[in-house]
Amino acid sequence: MSNSLAVSLNVYDLAEQNQYAHQLGLGAYHTGIEINGIEWSYGHAERGTGVYPCLPGSHPNAKIRERINITIKDTLTIEEVARCLDRLRPAFMGYRYHLLYLNCNHFTEAFYFELTNERAPSYINRLAQLARCCICFMPDYMQPRPGKTLKQQIKAINQSINQSNNQYNVTIL
């Protein structure tokens, strides 16, 4: 039995430097899984799940790099895909979003596996994996903050930057 679901992994560039970094197997990417014209991804939310639907290509700060057609399990129906999403939502609560530890690419990897029983392309989250290996060298604001919302983490980042600027008497225009 063959399903009629059109499924793709959409990979977006988040930085112009990706044109060089991608050749080295690195880069800053946003990803989502598109199913029948609706893209599913993960991001920060103050409450509830961070899993959300959107129109493909609608991420405001990203440019599509590639659309990879996915061959999913033949027996998967749209109802079973919905159940996959329901199973993933509790693990991807919006307040738990972290750039290195739980980002859109982690969600994409998990959803991709649910749909295919295969791993997503490893390059999509390689930069976060590499950064986690070097976490002891990362600035304090990149350290994981359990229980803190993204808004609180961003406020801490801004305070840290302002303290550094004051320390070195730097003005940002």
Protein backbone atom coordinates (compact mmCIF):
# COMPACT_ATOMS: atom_id res chain seq x y z
CA MET A 1 0.00 0.00 0.00
CA SER A 2 1.46 3.35 -1.01
CA ASN A 3 0.62 6.57 0.82
CA SER A 4 -0.10 9.83 -0.95
CA LEU A 5 1.64 12.15 1.51
CA ALA A 6 4.10 14.65 0.02
CA VAL A 7 6.83 15.00 2.65
CA SER A 8 10.07 16.97 2.62
CA LEU A 9 12.77 18.16 4.99
CA ASN A 10 13.21 21.90 4.47
CA VAL A 11 16.62 23.34 5.40
CA TYR A 12 17.06 27.11 5.72
CA ASP A 13 20.22 29.19 6.03
CA LEU A 14 20.27 31.43 9.09
CA ALA A 15 23.58 33.11 8.20
CA GLU A 16 25.22 34.30 5.00
CA GLN A 17 28.42 32.57 6.17
CA ASN A 18 26.70 29.25 5.51
CA GLN A 19 27.79 29.55 1.89
CA TYR A 20 31.32 28.82 3.15
CA ALA A 21 30.61 26.82 6.32
CA HIS A 22 28.28 24.37 4.53
CA GLN A 23 31.20 23.18 2.41
CA LEU A 24 32.91 22.18 5.67
CA GLY A 25 29.84 20.35 6.96
CA LEU A 26 28.87 23.18 9.31
CA GLY A 27 26.38 26.01 9.32
CA ALA A 28 23.56 27.68 11.20
CA TYR A 29 20.30 26.18 9.97
CA HIS A 30 16.61 26.29 10.66
CA THR A 31 14.68 23.17 9.66
CA GLY A 32 11.15 21.91 9.41
CA ILE A 33 9.25 18.94 8.02
CA GLU A 34 6.73 19.80 5.31
CA ILE A 35 3.72 17.53 4.90
CA ASN A 36 1.20 18.23 2.15
CA GLY A 37 2.11 21.93 2.05
CA ILE A 38 2.24 22.58 5.81
CA GLU A 39 5.62 22.83 7.54
CA TRP A 40 6.09 21.68 11.14
CA SER A 41 8.88 23.06 13.27
CA TYR A 42 9.79 23.97 16.84
CA GLY A 43 10.60 27.23 18.57
CA HIS A 44 10.27 29.19 21.77
CA ALA A 45 6.87 29.77 23.37
CA GLU A 46 6.20 31.14 26.85
CA ARG A 47 3.54 28.47 27.48
CA GLY A 48 2.60 25.17 25.95
CA THR A 49 4.26 23.35 23.13
CA GLY A 50 6.81 24.95 20.85
CA VAL A 51 5.75 22.70 17.96
CA TYR A 52 3.96 24.80 15.37
CA PRO A 53 2.67 24.67 11.78
CA CYS A 54 3.55 27.34 9.23
CA LEU A 55 3.74 27.93 5.51
CA PRO A 56 6.95 26.60 3.98
CA GLY A 57 9.48 29.38 3.41
CA SER A 58 7.78 31.78 5.82
CA HIS A 59 10.56 31.95 8.45
CA PRO A 60 11.37 35.68 8.59
CA ASN A 61 15.13 35.37 9.12
CA ALA A 62 15.94 32.39 6.94
CA LYS A 63 16.48 31.62 3.28
CA ILE A 64 15.68 28.17 1.90
CA ARG A 65 18.85 26.20 1.23
CA GLU A 66 17.31 22.93 0.11
CA ARG A 67 14.16 20.86 0.11
CA ILE A 68 14.89 17.16 0.55
CA ASN A 69 12.08 14.81 -0.48
CA ILE A 70 11.50 12.17 2.16
CA THR A 71 10.34 8.64 1.59
CA ILE A 72 8.22 7.82 4.63
CA LYS A 73 6.93 4.49 5.85
CA ASP A 74 4.41 3.20 3.31
CA THR A 75 1.80 2.51 5.95
CA LEU A 76 1.76 6.02 7.43
CA THR A 77 -1.52 7.91 7.06
CA ILE A 78 -2.15 11.56 7.84
CA GLU A 79 -3.84 10.44 11.08
CA GLU A 80 -0.71 8.52 12.10
CA VAL A 81 1.42 11.56 11.30
CA ALA A 82 -0.83 13.60 13.62
CA ARG A 83 -0.29 10.98 16.34
CA CYS A 84 3.50 11.24 15.80
CA LEU A 85 3.25 14.99 16.37
CA ASP A 86 1.15 14.42 19.49
CA ARG A 87 3.81 12.06 20.87
CA LEU A 88 6.57 14.61 20.21
CA ARG A 89 4.86 17.72 21.60
CA PRO A 90 5.46 16.99 25.33
CA ALA A 91 9.21 16.63 24.72
CA PHE A 92 9.29 19.96 22.84
CA MET A 93 7.66 22.44 25.19
CA GLY A 94 8.25 26.01 24.09
CA TYR A 95 9.84 27.22 27.33
CA ARG A 96 12.50 24.47 27.05
CA TYR A 97 13.88 25.81 23.76
CA HIS A 98 17.66 26.29 23.86
CA LEU A 99 19.89 27.13 20.95
CA LEU A 100 22.35 24.32 21.73
CA TYR A 101 20.37 21.73 23.68
CA LEU A 102 16.83 21.72 22.28
CA ASN A 103 16.27 23.59 19.03
CA CYS A 104 14.26 23.25 15.81
CA ASN A 105 16.83 20.82 14.41
CA HIS A 106 16.41 18.47 17.39
CA PHE A 107 12.67 18.45 16.71
CA THR A 108 13.24 17.85 12.99
CA GLU A 109 15.58 14.94 13.76
CA ALA A 110 13.00 13.35 16.07
CA PHE A 111 10.09 13.87 13.67
CA TYR A 112 12.16 12.65 10.71
CA PHE A 113 12.94 9.44 12.61
CA GLU A 114 9.26 8.93 13.50
CA LEU A 115 8.36 9.20 9.82
CA THR A 116 11.17 7.16 8.28
CA ASN A 117 12.95 5.04 10.93
CA GLU A 118 16.11 6.71 9.62
CA ARG A 119 18.34 9.53 10.83
CA ALA A 120 18.06 13.01 9.37
CA PRO A 121 21.13 14.43 7.61
CA SER A 122 23.72 14.98 10.35
CA TYR A 123 24.90 18.38 9.14
CA ILE A 124 21.66 20.15 10.12
CA ASN A 125 22.56 20.23 13.83
CA ARG A 126 26.32 19.69 13.71
CA LEU A 127 27.13 23.26 14.79
CA ALA A 128 25.09 22.89 18.01
CA GLN A 129 26.69 19.49 18.67
CA LEU A 130 30.17 20.96 18.20
CA ALA A 131 29.34 23.94 20.43
CA ARG A 132 28.12 21.59 23.21
CA CYS A 133 31.47 19.79 23.08
CA CYS A 134 33.18 23.12 23.68
CA ILE A 135 30.69 24.44 26.25
CA CYS A 136 33.41 25.15 28.81
CA PHE A 137 34.81 27.73 26.38
CA MET A 138 31.44 29.33 25.67
CA PRO A 139 30.39 32.62 27.26
CA ASP A 140 28.28 32.34 30.39
CA TYR A 141 25.11 33.39 28.58
CA MET A 142 25.31 30.30 26.32
CA GLN A 143 25.30 27.93 29.30
CA PRO A 144 22.02 26.03 29.75
CA ARG A 145 19.62 27.64 32.20
CA PRO A 146 17.19 24.98 33.41
CA GLY A 147 13.82 26.45 34.27
CA LYS A 148 14.50 29.80 32.59
CA THR A 149 12.43 30.95 29.65
CA LEU A 150 14.05 32.12 26.44
CA LYS A 151 12.99 35.67 27.33
CA GLN A 152 14.85 35.41 30.65
CA GLN A 153 17.88 33.94 28.88
CA ILE A 154 17.90 36.78 26.32
CA LYS A 155 17.66 39.34 29.14
CA ALA A 156 20.69 37.70 30.81
CA ILE A 157 22.57 37.78 27.49
CA ASN A 158 21.83 41.48 27.05
CA GLN A 159 22.91 42.23 30.62
CA SER A 160 26.14 40.33 30.07
CA ILE A 161 26.83 42.21 26.83
CA ASN A 162 26.06 45.56 28.49
CA GLN A 163 28.41 44.75 31.39
CA SER A 164 31.17 43.87 28.91
CA ASN A 165 30.56 47.07 26.95
CA ASN A 166 30.70 49.13 30.15
CA GLN A 167 33.86 47.34 31.26
CA TYR A 168 35.63 48.21 28.02
CA ASN A 169 33.86 51.55 27.56
CA VAL A 170 32.30 50.47 24.24
CA THR A 171 29.22 52.11 22.79
CA ILE A 172 26.92 50.24 20.45
CA LEU A 173 25.03 52.51 18.08
